[in-house]
N, C-alpha and C. Protein backbone atom coordinates (compact mmCIF):
# COMPACT_ATOMS: atom_id res chain seq x y z
N MET A 1 -7.51 23.42 18.56
CA MET A 1 -6.67 22.26 18.35
C MET A 1 -7.44 20.96 18.54
N GLU A 2 -8.60 21.08 19.14
CA GLU A 2 -9.41 19.87 19.33
C GLU A 2 -9.82 19.27 17.99
N THR A 3 -10.08 20.14 17.01
CA THR A 3 -10.45 19.61 15.69
C THR A 3 -9.28 18.87 15.04
N LEU A 4 -8.06 19.33 15.30
CA LEU A 4 -6.89 18.63 14.77
C LEU A 4 -6.76 17.24 15.39
N ILE A 5 -7.06 17.14 16.67
CA ILE A 5 -7.00 15.85 17.34
C ILE A 5 -8.04 14.90 16.76
N TRP A 6 -9.28 15.37 16.61
CA TRP A 6 -10.33 14.50 16.09
C TRP A 6 -10.12 14.17 14.61
N ALA A 7 -9.62 15.13 13.85
CA ALA A 7 -9.31 14.85 12.45
C ALA A 7 -8.20 13.82 12.35
N GLY A 8 -7.19 13.94 13.20
CA GLY A 8 -6.10 12.97 13.21
C GLY A 8 -6.59 11.59 13.60
N ALA A 9 -7.51 11.53 14.56
CA ALA A 9 -8.08 10.24 14.95
C ALA A 9 -8.85 9.62 13.79
N ALA A 10 -9.59 10.44 13.06
CA ALA A 10 -10.34 9.91 11.91
C ALA A 10 -9.41 9.41 10.81
N VAL A 11 -8.35 10.15 10.54
CA VAL A 11 -7.38 9.73 9.53
C VAL A 11 -6.69 8.44 9.96
N SER A 12 -6.35 8.35 11.22
CA SER A 12 -5.70 7.16 11.74
C SER A 12 -6.63 5.95 11.67
N LEU A 13 -7.89 6.14 11.97
CA LEU A 13 -8.86 5.05 11.86
C LEU A 13 -9.06 4.60 10.42
N ALA A 14 -9.02 5.55 9.48
CA ALA A 14 -9.12 5.18 8.07
C ALA A 14 -7.92 4.32 7.67
N GLY A 15 -6.75 4.69 8.14
CA GLY A 15 -5.56 3.88 7.87
C GLY A 15 -5.66 2.51 8.50
N LEU A 16 -6.18 2.44 9.71
CA LEU A 16 -6.35 1.15 10.38
C LEU A 16 -7.34 0.27 9.62
N ALA A 17 -8.40 0.87 9.11
CA ALA A 17 -9.37 0.11 8.31
C ALA A 17 -8.70 -0.45 7.05
N GLY A 18 -7.83 0.34 6.44
CA GLY A 18 -7.11 -0.14 5.26
C GLY A 18 -6.18 -1.28 5.60
N LEU A 19 -5.51 -1.20 6.73
CA LEU A 19 -4.63 -2.30 7.15
C LEU A 19 -5.41 -3.57 7.43
N ILE A 20 -6.57 -3.43 8.05
CA ILE A 20 -7.41 -4.61 8.31
C ILE A 20 -7.90 -5.21 7.01
N TRP A 21 -8.25 -4.37 6.02
CA TRP A 21 -8.67 -4.88 4.72
C TRP A 21 -7.54 -5.67 4.08
N CYS A 22 -6.31 -5.16 4.15
CA CYS A 22 -5.16 -5.85 3.57
C CYS A 22 -4.94 -7.21 4.23
N ILE A 23 -5.04 -7.24 5.54
CA ILE A 23 -4.86 -8.50 6.26
C ILE A 23 -5.93 -9.50 5.84
N ALA A 24 -7.18 -9.04 5.76
CA ALA A 24 -8.28 -9.93 5.37
C ALA A 24 -8.10 -10.44 3.95
N ARG A 25 -7.66 -9.58 3.06
CA ARG A 25 -7.48 -9.97 1.65
C ARG A 25 -6.41 -11.04 1.51
N VAL A 26 -5.29 -10.87 2.19
CA VAL A 26 -4.21 -11.85 2.11
C VAL A 26 -4.62 -13.14 2.81
N TRP A 27 -5.34 -13.01 3.91
CA TRP A 27 -5.80 -14.19 4.64
C TRP A 27 -6.73 -15.04 3.76
N ARG A 28 -7.66 -14.37 3.05
CA ARG A 28 -8.55 -15.10 2.13
C ARG A 28 -7.77 -15.78 1.01
N ALA A 29 -6.75 -15.10 0.52
CA ALA A 29 -5.93 -15.69 -0.55
C ALA A 29 -5.16 -16.91 -0.04
N ARG A 30 -4.67 -16.83 1.19
CA ARG A 30 -3.94 -17.97 1.76
C ARG A 30 -4.87 -19.15 1.99
N ARG A 31 -6.10 -18.88 2.46
CA ARG A 31 -7.04 -19.98 2.69
C ARG A 31 -7.51 -20.61 1.39
N ALA A 32 -7.47 -19.85 0.30
CA ALA A 32 -7.86 -20.39 -1.00
C ALA A 32 -6.78 -21.28 -1.59
N LYS A 33 -5.61 -21.31 -0.94
CA LYS A 33 -4.49 -22.14 -1.37
C LYS A 33 -4.14 -21.89 -2.85
N LEU A 34 -3.94 -20.62 -3.17
CA LEU A 34 -3.58 -20.24 -4.53
C LEU A 34 -2.15 -20.70 -4.84
N ASP A 35 -1.90 -20.92 -6.11
CA ASP A 35 -0.52 -21.28 -6.47
C ASP A 35 0.36 -20.02 -6.36
N GLU A 36 1.64 -20.21 -6.52
CA GLU A 36 2.59 -19.13 -6.25
C GLU A 36 2.38 -17.91 -7.15
N ALA A 37 2.09 -18.13 -8.42
CA ALA A 37 1.92 -17.01 -9.34
C ALA A 37 0.68 -16.19 -8.99
N GLU A 38 -0.43 -16.86 -8.67
CA GLU A 38 -1.65 -16.14 -8.32
C GLU A 38 -1.49 -15.42 -6.98
N MET A 39 -0.80 -16.06 -6.04
CA MET A 39 -0.58 -15.42 -4.74
C MET A 39 0.30 -14.18 -4.91
N ARG A 40 1.27 -14.25 -5.78
CA ARG A 40 2.14 -13.11 -6.05
C ARG A 40 1.33 -11.94 -6.62
N LYS A 41 0.36 -12.25 -7.51
CA LYS A 41 -0.49 -11.19 -8.07
C LYS A 41 -1.33 -10.52 -6.98
N VAL A 42 -1.87 -11.34 -6.08
CA VAL A 42 -2.67 -10.78 -4.99
C VAL A 42 -1.80 -9.88 -4.11
N LEU A 43 -0.62 -10.35 -3.78
CA LEU A 43 0.28 -9.56 -2.93
C LEU A 43 0.73 -8.28 -3.62
N GLN A 44 0.94 -8.33 -4.92
CA GLN A 44 1.34 -7.12 -5.65
C GLN A 44 0.22 -6.09 -5.67
N LYS A 45 -1.03 -6.54 -5.65
CA LYS A 45 -2.15 -5.60 -5.61
C LYS A 45 -2.36 -5.03 -4.21
N VAL A 46 -2.07 -5.83 -3.20
CA VAL A 46 -2.30 -5.41 -1.82
C VAL A 46 -1.19 -4.50 -1.30
N LEU A 47 0.01 -4.68 -1.78
CA LEU A 47 1.16 -3.93 -1.25
C LEU A 47 0.99 -2.41 -1.30
N PRO A 48 0.57 -1.80 -2.41
CA PRO A 48 0.41 -0.34 -2.41
C PRO A 48 -0.68 0.13 -1.44
N VAL A 49 -1.75 -0.65 -1.33
CA VAL A 49 -2.82 -0.28 -0.39
C VAL A 49 -2.30 -0.36 1.04
N ASN A 50 -1.52 -1.40 1.31
CA ASN A 50 -0.94 -1.57 2.65
C ASN A 50 -0.02 -0.40 2.98
N THR A 51 0.82 -0.02 2.05
CA THR A 51 1.74 1.10 2.28
C THR A 51 0.97 2.40 2.50
N GLY A 52 -0.04 2.64 1.69
CA GLY A 52 -0.85 3.84 1.84
C GLY A 52 -1.61 3.87 3.16
N ALA A 53 -2.13 2.73 3.57
CA ALA A 53 -2.85 2.66 4.84
C ALA A 53 -1.92 2.90 6.01
N LEU A 54 -0.72 2.35 5.93
CA LEU A 54 0.26 2.58 6.99
C LEU A 54 0.64 4.07 7.05
N PHE A 55 0.79 4.69 5.89
CA PHE A 55 1.09 6.12 5.82
C PHE A 55 -0.04 6.93 6.45
N LEU A 56 -1.29 6.59 6.14
CA LEU A 56 -2.42 7.31 6.73
C LEU A 56 -2.43 7.18 8.24
N SER A 57 -2.16 5.98 8.73
CA SER A 57 -2.14 5.77 10.18
C SER A 57 -1.07 6.63 10.85
N VAL A 58 0.10 6.66 10.26
CA VAL A 58 1.19 7.45 10.84
C VAL A 58 0.85 8.95 10.80
N ILE A 59 0.35 9.42 9.69
CA ILE A 59 -0.01 10.84 9.57
C ILE A 59 -1.10 11.19 10.58
N GLY A 60 -2.08 10.31 10.73
CA GLY A 60 -3.15 10.55 11.70
C GLY A 60 -2.63 10.63 13.12
N LEU A 61 -1.74 9.71 13.47
CA LEU A 61 -1.18 9.73 14.82
C LEU A 61 -0.32 10.98 15.04
N MET A 62 0.39 11.41 14.00
CA MET A 62 1.18 12.63 14.12
C MET A 62 0.27 13.84 14.31
N MET A 63 -0.86 13.87 13.63
CA MET A 63 -1.82 14.96 13.80
C MET A 63 -2.34 15.00 15.24
N VAL A 64 -2.63 13.83 15.79
CA VAL A 64 -3.11 13.77 17.17
C VAL A 64 -2.04 14.29 18.13
N VAL A 65 -0.81 13.86 17.95
CA VAL A 65 0.28 14.31 18.83
C VAL A 65 0.47 15.82 18.73
N VAL A 66 0.48 16.34 17.52
CA VAL A 66 0.65 17.80 17.33
C VAL A 66 -0.52 18.54 17.96
N GLY A 67 -1.72 18.02 17.80
CA GLY A 67 -2.89 18.66 18.41
C GLY A 67 -2.81 18.68 19.92
N ILE A 68 -2.30 17.58 20.50
CA ILE A 68 -2.16 17.54 21.96
C ILE A 68 -1.06 18.50 22.42
N LEU A 69 0.05 18.55 21.69
CA LEU A 69 1.13 19.44 22.09
C LEU A 69 0.74 20.92 21.98
N LEU A 70 -0.05 21.27 21.00
CA LEU A 70 -0.45 22.67 20.81
C LEU A 70 -1.63 23.07 21.68
N ARG A 71 -2.22 22.14 22.33
CA ARG A 71 -3.41 22.41 23.14
C ARG A 71 -3.13 23.21 24.34
C-alpha cells in the first residue's frame, strides 16, 4: 500500500502544479490589462485545465487516504 500512497502523492502534486500554472496564467493576463474580450478568451482556455488539475489533486488525495486506510 506504500506505493499507492506515493503514487497518490505524485498525482496530487501534478494537480497542484496545474493549479499553480492556472493561477500564474490568469495573473499574467490581469497584469497585462487585457480588454474584456481577450481576458474572456484567456479564462476560457484556462478553465478546463483548472478543472482537470483540481480533479487530479482530489484523486491523488483520495489515493493517499485509501493507501493509509489499507495499510
